[in-house]
Amino acid sequence: MMARRILSVSRFRSILLASLLGSGLSFLGLPGLNSSVLGQDPLDMNEAERMLDIDVVELRDQLVFGLRTFQPAQQQFIDLVIQKVESKEISRAMVNVVFVWARKRNPKVPYPYFEIVLRLLAERKGVVLPATNSIVIAQ
């Protein structure tokens, strides 16, 4: 009888764990927490650091084509970001993380999300990116 109860408790725990991991733990208010994060080794590289090892395209091409920039002001902002990365004021890993996030957030128009979040993160690191008129907000 006791062995059967332990088995059912362990089965309940495994079902509960699978359902929590499947839902991404959204009820905890942790939007980015999913099974890949929970199973990540603390010494393992994250997605942005792995992207540094893959030099498939230049950073400018990645940002211009991946973010679908078409206005000159947007491309000037991209040039400024590349300049800051080359001078090591901001890391390429941070740019890669924001790039991937912006493309997941809005695959059709990722640029505004990229610029806004990159400005916020750069500001936290003490790097001020000059204001541009590259984000058009429809009214």
Protein backbone atom coordinates (compact mmCIF):
# COMPACT_ATOMS: atom_id res chain seq x y z
CA MET A 1 0.00 0.00 0.00
CA MET A 2 2.79 2.43 0.90
CA ALA A 3 4.71 1.69 -2.31
CA ARG A 4 1.61 2.45 -4.34
CA ARG A 5 1.15 5.82 -2.59
CA ILE A 6 4.78 6.81 -3.19
CA LEU A 7 4.42 5.85 -6.83
CA SER A 8 1.31 8.00 -7.20
CA VAL A 9 2.99 10.97 -5.48
CA SER A 10 6.01 10.68 -7.74
CA ARG A 11 3.74 10.38 -10.76
CA PHE A 12 1.81 13.45 -9.60
CA ARG A 13 5.06 15.38 -9.22
CA SER A 14 6.25 14.39 -12.69
CA ILE A 15 2.92 15.36 -14.24
CA LEU A 16 2.92 18.68 -12.35
CA LEU A 17 6.52 19.39 -13.37
CA ALA A 18 5.79 18.58 -17.01
CA SER A 19 2.74 20.84 -17.05
CA LEU A 20 4.67 23.68 -15.41
CA LEU A 21 7.53 23.40 -17.86
CA GLY A 22 5.11 23.15 -20.76
CA SER A 23 3.32 26.33 -19.73
CA GLY A 24 6.56 28.26 -19.37
CA LEU A 25 5.75 29.06 -15.72
CA SER A 26 3.72 32.03 -16.92
CA PHE A 27 1.63 32.06 -13.74
CA LEU A 28 4.72 33.09 -11.77
CA GLY A 29 5.05 36.27 -13.78
CA LEU A 30 8.34 35.16 -15.28
CA PRO A 31 7.75 35.58 -19.02
CA GLY A 32 11.10 34.34 -20.25
CA LEU A 33 11.41 31.36 -17.91
CA ASN A 34 10.93 28.07 -19.72
CA SER A 35 12.41 24.61 -19.67
CA SER A 36 15.55 25.65 -21.54
CA VAL A 37 16.33 28.26 -18.87
CA LEU A 38 15.61 25.89 -16.01
CA GLY A 39 17.92 23.26 -17.41
CA GLN A 40 20.73 25.66 -18.29
CA ASP A 41 24.07 25.09 -16.66
CA PRO A 42 25.15 28.32 -14.92
CA LEU A 43 28.56 28.07 -16.58
CA ASP A 44 27.06 27.37 -20.00
CA MET A 45 26.97 30.06 -22.68
CA ASN A 46 23.66 31.77 -23.36
CA GLU A 47 22.15 32.27 -26.82
CA ALA A 48 23.86 35.62 -27.36
CA GLU A 49 27.29 34.27 -26.47
CA ARG A 50 26.82 31.33 -28.82
CA MET A 51 25.95 33.79 -31.59
CA LEU A 52 29.35 35.46 -31.08
CA ASP A 53 31.09 32.27 -32.19
CA ILE A 54 29.11 32.18 -35.40
CA ASP A 55 30.56 34.81 -37.72
CA VAL A 56 28.23 34.08 -40.61
CA VAL A 57 27.36 37.70 -41.41
CA GLU A 58 28.69 41.10 -40.50
CA LEU A 59 26.91 42.92 -37.68
CA ARG A 60 25.72 45.67 -40.03
CA ASP A 61 24.15 43.19 -42.45
CA GLN A 62 22.57 41.28 -39.56
CA LEU A 63 20.96 44.41 -38.16
CA VAL A 64 19.96 46.17 -41.40
CA PHE A 65 18.39 43.14 -43.05
CA GLY A 66 17.23 41.33 -39.91
CA LEU A 67 15.49 44.39 -38.48
CA ARG A 68 14.08 45.46 -41.86
CA THR A 69 15.42 48.98 -41.70
CA PHE A 70 14.49 51.18 -44.61
CA GLN A 71 14.75 54.78 -43.40
CA PRO A 72 18.08 56.63 -43.40
CA ALA A 73 17.58 57.55 -39.72
CA GLN A 74 17.22 53.86 -38.83
CA GLN A 75 20.40 53.00 -40.69
CA GLN A 76 22.21 55.86 -38.94
CA PHE A 77 21.14 54.40 -35.59
CA ILE A 78 22.44 50.99 -36.71
CA ASP A 79 25.77 52.62 -37.66
CA LEU A 80 25.91 54.24 -34.21
CA VAL A 81 25.26 50.88 -32.54
CA ILE A 82 28.03 49.26 -34.59
CA GLN A 83 30.37 52.09 -33.60
CA LYS A 84 29.55 51.54 -29.91
CA VAL A 85 30.12 47.79 -30.26
CA GLU A 86 33.48 48.31 -31.96
CA SER A 87 34.56 50.75 -29.23
CA LYS A 88 33.44 48.16 -26.64
CA GLU A 89 31.01 50.58 -24.97
CA ILE A 90 28.24 48.02 -25.45
CA SER A 91 28.71 44.33 -26.02
CA ARG A 92 27.82 42.47 -29.17
CA ALA A 93 26.14 39.87 -26.96
CA MET A 94 23.73 42.50 -25.68
CA VAL A 95 22.99 43.63 -29.25
CA ASN A 96 22.41 40.01 -30.27
CA VAL A 97 20.02 39.38 -27.38
CA VAL A 98 17.98 42.47 -28.20
CA PHE A 99 18.07 41.59 -31.92
CA VAL A 100 16.70 38.09 -31.32
CA TRP A 101 14.08 39.37 -28.86
CA ALA A 102 12.86 42.12 -31.23
CA ARG A 103 12.49 39.65 -34.09
CA LYS A 104 10.48 37.30 -31.88
CA ARG A 105 8.39 40.17 -30.53
CA ASN A 106 7.30 41.42 -33.96
CA PRO A 107 8.68 39.52 -36.96
CA LYS A 108 7.15 41.94 -39.46
CA VAL A 109 8.41 45.20 -37.91
CA PRO A 110 11.15 44.41 -35.36
CA TYR A 111 13.16 47.65 -35.59
CA PRO A 112 11.20 49.88 -33.15
CA TYR A 113 11.40 47.22 -30.44
CA PHE A 114 15.12 46.83 -31.05
CA GLU A 115 15.85 50.55 -30.78
CA ILE A 116 13.73 51.18 -27.69
CA VAL A 117 15.08 48.23 -25.70
CA LEU A 118 18.68 48.77 -26.79
CA ARG A 119 18.47 52.41 -25.69
CA LEU A 120 17.15 51.34 -22.28
CA LEU A 121 19.83 48.68 -21.76
CA ALA A 122 22.63 50.94 -22.99
CA GLU A 123 21.42 53.69 -20.66
CA ARG A 124 21.64 51.25 -17.74
CA LYS A 125 25.27 50.65 -18.67
CA GLY A 126 25.92 54.41 -18.80
CA VAL A 127 26.01 54.69 -22.60
CA VAL A 128 23.76 57.38 -24.01
CA LEU A 129 22.63 56.90 -27.59
CA PRO A 130 21.64 60.24 -29.22
CA ALA A 131 17.99 60.68 -30.11
CA THR A 132 16.92 60.02 -33.68
CA ASN A 133 13.65 60.31 -35.56
CA SER A 134 13.84 56.71 -36.70
CA ILE A 135 10.75 55.43 -34.90
CA VAL A 136 7.49 56.45 -36.53
CA ILE A 137 4.43 56.05 -34.33
CA ALA A 138 1.14 56.04 -36.20
CA GLN A 139 -1.62 58.09 -34.62
